[in-house]
Protein backbone atom coordinates (compact mmCIF):
# COMPACT_ATOMS: atom_id res chain seq x y z
CA MET A 1 -7.56 0.38 34.94
CA THR A 2 -8.78 3.38 34.17
CA ASN A 3 -6.30 6.43 34.09
CA LEU A 4 -8.50 8.85 35.89
CA PRO A 5 -6.02 11.98 38.10
CA HIS A 6 -5.38 12.02 41.86
CA GLN A 7 -8.05 14.39 42.50
CA PRO A 8 -10.40 15.38 39.76
CA ASP A 9 -12.55 17.91 39.20
CA TRP A 10 -15.74 16.62 38.44
CA PHE A 11 -17.01 20.17 37.11
CA LEU A 12 -18.06 19.58 33.48
CA HIS A 13 -20.01 16.60 35.02
CA ALA A 14 -21.69 19.06 36.84
CA HIS A 15 -22.70 21.03 34.48
CA LEU A 16 -23.79 18.54 32.48
CA ALA A 17 -26.10 16.81 34.86
CA ALA A 18 -27.83 20.42 35.73
CA THR A 19 -28.60 20.67 33.05
CA LEU A 20 -30.47 17.39 32.26
CA ASP A 21 -31.94 17.78 35.48
CA GLU A 22 -33.65 21.02 34.18
CA ARG A 23 -35.49 18.99 31.45
CA LEU A 24 -36.76 16.34 34.62
CA SER A 25 -39.77 19.08 35.61
CA ILE A 26 -41.59 18.05 32.84
CA LEU A 27 -42.59 14.60 34.28
CA ARG A 28 -45.82 14.01 35.81
CA GLN A 29 -44.71 10.53 37.23
CA PRO A 30 -42.07 10.02 39.41
CA PRO A 31 -39.72 7.58 38.45
CA GLU A 32 -39.32 4.40 41.51
CA HIS A 33 -36.79 3.10 39.10
CA ILE A 34 -32.87 4.58 38.20
CA LEU A 35 -30.16 3.37 36.22
CA LEU A 36 -27.46 5.57 36.33
CA ALA A 37 -25.32 4.18 33.53
CA ALA A 38 -22.00 6.08 34.58
CA ALA A 39 -20.30 7.46 37.46
CA ASP A 40 -19.70 11.14 37.44
CA GLY A 41 -18.58 12.21 40.80
CA ASN A 42 -21.77 12.60 43.00
CA GLU A 43 -22.85 14.53 40.24
CA SER A 44 -25.93 12.86 39.05
CA TYR A 45 -27.09 11.00 42.09
CA ARG A 46 -27.15 14.16 44.12
CA LEU A 47 -29.57 16.11 42.15
CA LEU A 48 -31.25 13.03 41.25
CA LYS A 49 -31.92 11.84 45.01
CA MET A 50 -33.29 15.97 45.79
CA ARG A 51 -35.59 15.47 43.55
CA TYR A 52 -36.54 11.34 43.77
CA PRO A 53 -35.77 10.60 47.26
CA HIS A 54 -37.89 7.44 46.95
CA ALA A 55 -36.49 6.43 43.61
CA ARG A 56 -34.26 2.83 43.82
CA PHE A 57 -30.78 3.84 42.36
CA GLN A 58 -28.03 1.54 40.75
CA GLU A 59 -25.04 2.62 39.27
CA PHE A 60 -22.97 0.71 36.07
CA ASP A 61 -19.53 1.39 35.17
CA SER A 62 -16.64 -0.36 33.27
CA ARG A 63 -14.24 1.94 34.97
CA ASP A 64 -13.73 0.97 39.24
CA ARG A 65 -12.25 3.54 39.53
CA TYR A 66 -15.36 6.26 38.85
CA LEU A 67 -17.27 3.89 40.88
CA GLN A 68 -14.52 3.70 44.02
CA ALA A 69 -15.27 7.75 43.60
CA ALA A 70 -18.74 8.52 43.42
CA GLN A 71 -19.38 6.11 46.66
CA ALA A 72 -16.55 8.24 48.13
CA MET A 73 -17.58 11.39 47.60
CA ARG A 74 -21.71 9.85 49.00
CA LYS A 75 -19.82 8.50 51.80
CA ALA A 76 -17.96 11.67 52.68
CA LYS A 77 -21.09 14.00 52.78
CA LEU A 78 -22.92 11.47 55.10
CA ASN A 79 -23.10 12.35 59.45
CA TRP A 80 -22.56 9.61 61.75
CA LEU A 81 -26.21 8.26 62.20
CA GLN A 82 -27.28 8.67 57.57
CA LYS A 83 -23.46 5.90 57.70
CA PHE A 84 -26.14 3.34 59.18
CA ASN A 85 -28.92 4.24 58.17
CA SER A 86 -28.76 5.59 54.52
CA SER A 87 -29.02 3.10 51.84
CA LEU A 88 -26.02 4.24 48.26
CA PRO A 89 -26.68 2.96 44.78
CA VAL A 90 -25.94 -0.74 44.32
CA GLN A 91 -22.61 -0.73 41.90
CA THR A 92 -22.09 -2.79 39.27
CA VAL A 93 -18.80 -3.15 37.90
CA SER A 94 -20.15 -3.71 34.40
CA ASP A 95 -21.24 -0.98 31.56
CA GLN A 96 -23.81 -3.75 30.63
CA LEU A 97 -27.84 -3.28 31.67
CA PRO A 98 -29.94 -5.61 32.82
CA SER A 99 -31.75 -6.49 30.25
CA ASN A 100 -34.90 -7.34 32.11
CA GLN A 101 -36.93 -3.88 30.44
CA ALA A 102 -37.91 -3.09 34.52
CA ALA A 103 -35.98 0.24 34.75
CA ASP A 104 -38.56 3.74 34.98
CA MET A 105 -35.35 5.86 33.56
CA VAL A 106 -31.80 5.33 32.34
CA TRP A 107 -28.90 8.56 33.32
CA SER A 108 -26.06 7.97 31.33
CA ASN A 109 -24.16 11.31 31.83
CA LEU A 110 -21.05 11.14 29.58
CA GLY A 111 -21.38 7.30 29.62
CA LEU A 112 -21.08 6.62 25.73
CA ILE A 113 -17.74 8.29 25.59
CA HIS A 114 -15.63 5.07 27.43
CA GLN A 115 -17.50 2.50 25.21
CA ALA A 116 -16.71 2.08 21.31
CA ASP A 117 -20.08 0.56 20.00
CA PRO A 118 -22.51 3.67 20.39
CA ILE A 119 -25.35 1.05 18.22
CA ALA A 120 -24.81 -1.58 21.35
CA VAL A 121 -24.83 0.45 24.27
CA ILE A 122 -27.89 2.21 23.39
CA ASN A 123 -29.68 -0.92 22.41
CA ASN A 124 -29.35 -2.28 25.82
CA TRP A 125 -30.30 0.90 27.19
CA ALA A 126 -33.11 0.30 25.58
CA GLY A 127 -33.95 -3.76 27.10
CA ALA A 128 -33.02 -2.22 30.41
CA LEU A 129 -36.28 0.75 30.37
CA ARG A 130 -39.66 -0.46 30.94
CA PRO A 131 -42.00 0.43 28.01
CA ASP A 132 -42.51 4.06 27.65
CA GLY A 133 -39.73 3.80 30.46
CA LEU A 134 -37.39 7.45 29.98
CA LEU A 135 -33.27 8.08 28.46
CA PHE A 136 -31.54 10.92 30.00
CA PHE A 137 -27.94 11.78 28.82
CA SER A 138 -25.12 13.33 27.65
CA HIS A 139 -22.48 13.27 25.12
CA PHE A 140 -19.66 15.05 23.28
CA GLY A 141 -20.90 17.09 19.88
CA ALA A 142 -18.28 16.29 16.65
CA ASP A 143 -17.16 20.20 16.68
CA THR A 144 -15.33 19.32 20.24
CA LEU A 145 -11.57 20.35 21.18
CA LYS A 146 -11.98 21.74 17.79
CA GLU A 147 -8.42 24.15 18.39
CA VAL A 148 -7.06 21.63 19.88
CA LEU A 149 -7.37 18.80 17.10
CA THR A 150 -6.22 22.04 14.78
CA LEU A 151 -3.08 21.90 16.71
CA TRP A 152 -2.16 18.82 16.30
CA ARG A 153 -2.99 17.68 12.41
CA THR A 154 -0.93 20.90 11.93
CA ALA A 155 1.37 19.42 14.15
CA GLY A 156 1.77 15.84 12.06
CA ILE A 157 0.14 14.12 14.88
CA VAL A 158 -2.45 11.39 13.97
CA VAL A 159 -5.33 11.47 16.17
CA LYS A 160 -8.75 9.88 15.25
CA THR A 161 -11.87 10.73 17.41
CA PRO A 162 -14.62 7.87 16.22
CA HIS A 163 -16.20 8.58 19.90
CA LEU A 164 -16.74 11.86 19.35
CA LEU A 165 -20.90 12.03 17.32
CA ASP A 166 -22.28 14.36 15.43
CA MET A 167 -26.12 15.40 17.15
CA HIS A 168 -27.97 14.54 14.80
CA ASP A 169 -26.49 10.69 14.04
CA LEU A 170 -27.31 10.35 18.06
CA GLY A 171 -31.07 11.17 16.95
CA ASP A 172 -31.34 8.71 14.37
CA MET A 173 -29.26 6.08 16.27
CA LEU A 174 -31.97 6.34 19.60
CA TYR A 175 -35.14 6.61 17.23
CA GLN A 176 -34.04 2.99 15.42
CA HIS A 177 -32.91 1.35 18.22
CA GLY A 178 -35.72 1.45 20.62
CA PHE A 179 -36.45 5.03 21.12
CA TYR A 180 -39.66 6.90 19.64
CA ASP A 181 -39.29 10.76 19.81
CA PRO A 182 -36.33 11.56 20.72
CA VAL A 183 -35.31 15.35 21.13
CA MET A 184 -31.63 15.85 20.40
CA ASP A 185 -29.90 19.84 21.58
CA MET A 186 -26.10 21.19 21.96
CA ASN A 187 -25.00 23.98 23.50
CA MET A 188 -21.03 24.76 22.92
CA LEU A 189 -19.22 26.53 25.86
CA THR A 190 -15.28 27.15 25.65
CA LEU A 191 -13.31 26.77 28.46
CA GLN A 192 -9.92 28.68 28.54
CA TYR A 193 -7.04 27.68 30.36
CA THR A 194 -3.04 28.82 31.92
CA LYS A 195 -1.79 24.98 31.54
CA ALA A 196 -1.67 22.67 29.57
CA GLU A 197 -1.50 19.76 33.07
CA ARG A 198 -5.28 20.87 34.14
CA PHE A 199 -6.75 20.96 30.59
CA ILE A 200 -5.88 17.25 29.99
CA ASP A 201 -6.54 16.29 34.19
CA ASP A 202 -10.38 17.52 33.24
CA MET A 203 -10.11 15.38 29.57
CA ARG A 204 -9.49 12.75 31.44
CA THR A 205 -12.05 13.33 34.10
CA ALA A 206 -14.39 13.94 31.87
CA GLY A 207 -13.00 10.32 30.15
CA LEU A 208 -12.69 12.16 26.18
CA TRP A 209 -8.71 11.99 27.02
CA GLN A 210 -9.17 8.52 27.04
CA SER A 211 -11.31 8.46 23.97
CA LEU A 212 -9.22 10.28 21.74
CA GLN A 213 -6.51 7.83 19.62
CA PHE A 214 -3.03 8.96 19.01
CA ASP A 215 -0.17 7.79 16.69
CA ASN A 216 2.22 9.18 18.98
CA GLU A 217 0.43 10.48 22.90
CA ILE A 218 4.14 11.60 23.66
CA ASP A 219 4.64 13.86 21.35
CA ALA A 220 0.88 14.94 21.03
CA VAL A 221 1.41 16.27 25.34
CA ARG A 222 5.02 17.58 24.41
CA ILE A 223 3.07 20.05 21.50
CA LEU A 224 0.10 20.42 23.61
CA VAL A 225 2.10 21.81 26.59
CA GLN A 226 4.46 23.79 24.36
CA ALA A 227 1.74 25.45 22.60
CA TRP A 228 0.66 27.05 26.46
CA LYS A 229 4.05 28.39 27.50
CA SER A 230 4.29 29.87 23.56
CA ASN A 231 0.76 31.36 24.22
CA ASP A 232 -0.19 29.59 20.87
CA ILE A 233 -3.47 27.98 22.85
CA HIS A 234 -6.05 28.87 25.43
CA ASN A 235 -9.58 28.53 24.59
CA VAL A 236 -10.69 25.05 24.03
CA THR A 237 -14.44 24.46 22.48
CA LEU A 238 -17.00 21.62 23.74
CA GLU A 239 -19.81 20.83 21.82
CA LEU A 240 -21.95 19.51 24.62
CA VAL A 241 -24.91 17.66 23.73
CA TYR A 242 -28.16 16.30 25.34
CA GLY A 243 -30.61 13.54 24.43
CA HIS A 244 -33.80 11.99 25.46
CA GLY A 245 -36.51 9.54 24.42
CA VAL A 246 -39.12 7.05 25.22
CA LYS A 247 -38.31 3.80 25.24
CA LYS A 248 -40.97 2.29 22.75
CA GLN A 249 -43.52 -0.31 22.94
CA ILE A 250 -42.40 -4.08 21.82
CA LEU A 251 -45.75 -5.73 19.96
CA PRO A 252 -45.60 -10.13 20.12
CA ASP A 253 -45.64 -11.56 17.48
CA ASN A 254 -47.45 -11.22 14.73
CA ALA A 255 -49.60 -8.79 16.29
CA THR A 256 -50.85 -4.76 15.14
CA PRO A 257 -51.99 -1.92 16.76
CA ILE A 258 -55.98 -1.21 16.70
CA GLN A 259 -56.84 2.50 16.15
CA PHE A 260 -60.23 3.66 16.53
CA TYR A 261 -61.71 6.09 15.02
CA PRO A 262 -64.88 7.93 15.57
CA SER A 263 -67.91 7.84 13.60
CA SER A 264 -68.11 11.54 13.38
CA PRO A 265 -66.69 14.44 13.62
CA THR A 266 -65.77 15.65 17.25
CA LYS A 267 -68.19 18.01 18.03
CA THR A 268 -66.42 21.24 20.39
CA PHE A 269 -69.04 22.76 23.01
CA LYS A 270 -68.82 26.96 24.10
CA PRO A 271 -70.61 27.85 27.42
């Protein structure tokens, strides 16, 4: 069972979802079938449902407590009439999206952070999308938690971060595994905390804490708490990575694209 805090604060997911949502203004055709690849409270669904009220949603996550938290938040916002008439996303306790090339959009807000093989995940996303379907996702970059990691390593704590990925590496993975024209960008977010316990809870909610591989997690927590009490650390930096891409057209075996070229240069007429 995923170790989600008793009262999770989804503010990081909300920030990432809002930033991704701003990119949707470029779309001309509204998606009809959207797959949510990872639950994030009600943040992504709330924004996407407002933008695309007629879309059909499905939600996938192997972390059952994340799914339960998301659906509970949605139900809490329904009035008595909506509880009988509203259709909430159908949820599946799995990270595997259906590989039927049928979805118009895959949306993943921090859906990579708890999965071991990003290439397998990207292949699965591509397999779920129709040709020319759209992918939008967020992730944590390689410079995430640099102050905390430095603190631990100085204290002799061995911690590995295989899930924190370079933005350019992610773009290459997209291009090589089913997407053309991938667009990647990032920004740095600095958070200030007064207590280590709140920091740990927020990182657990984001799935970031669970992605860290410690040689001694108990000592890591102890050192972190001591550092906050002695004012050795207050600021925490997160590298927020955003990406989107278009599912490649897959040609049948032995098929080649046909291109047409005009026999003479195109003329431009001025009135």
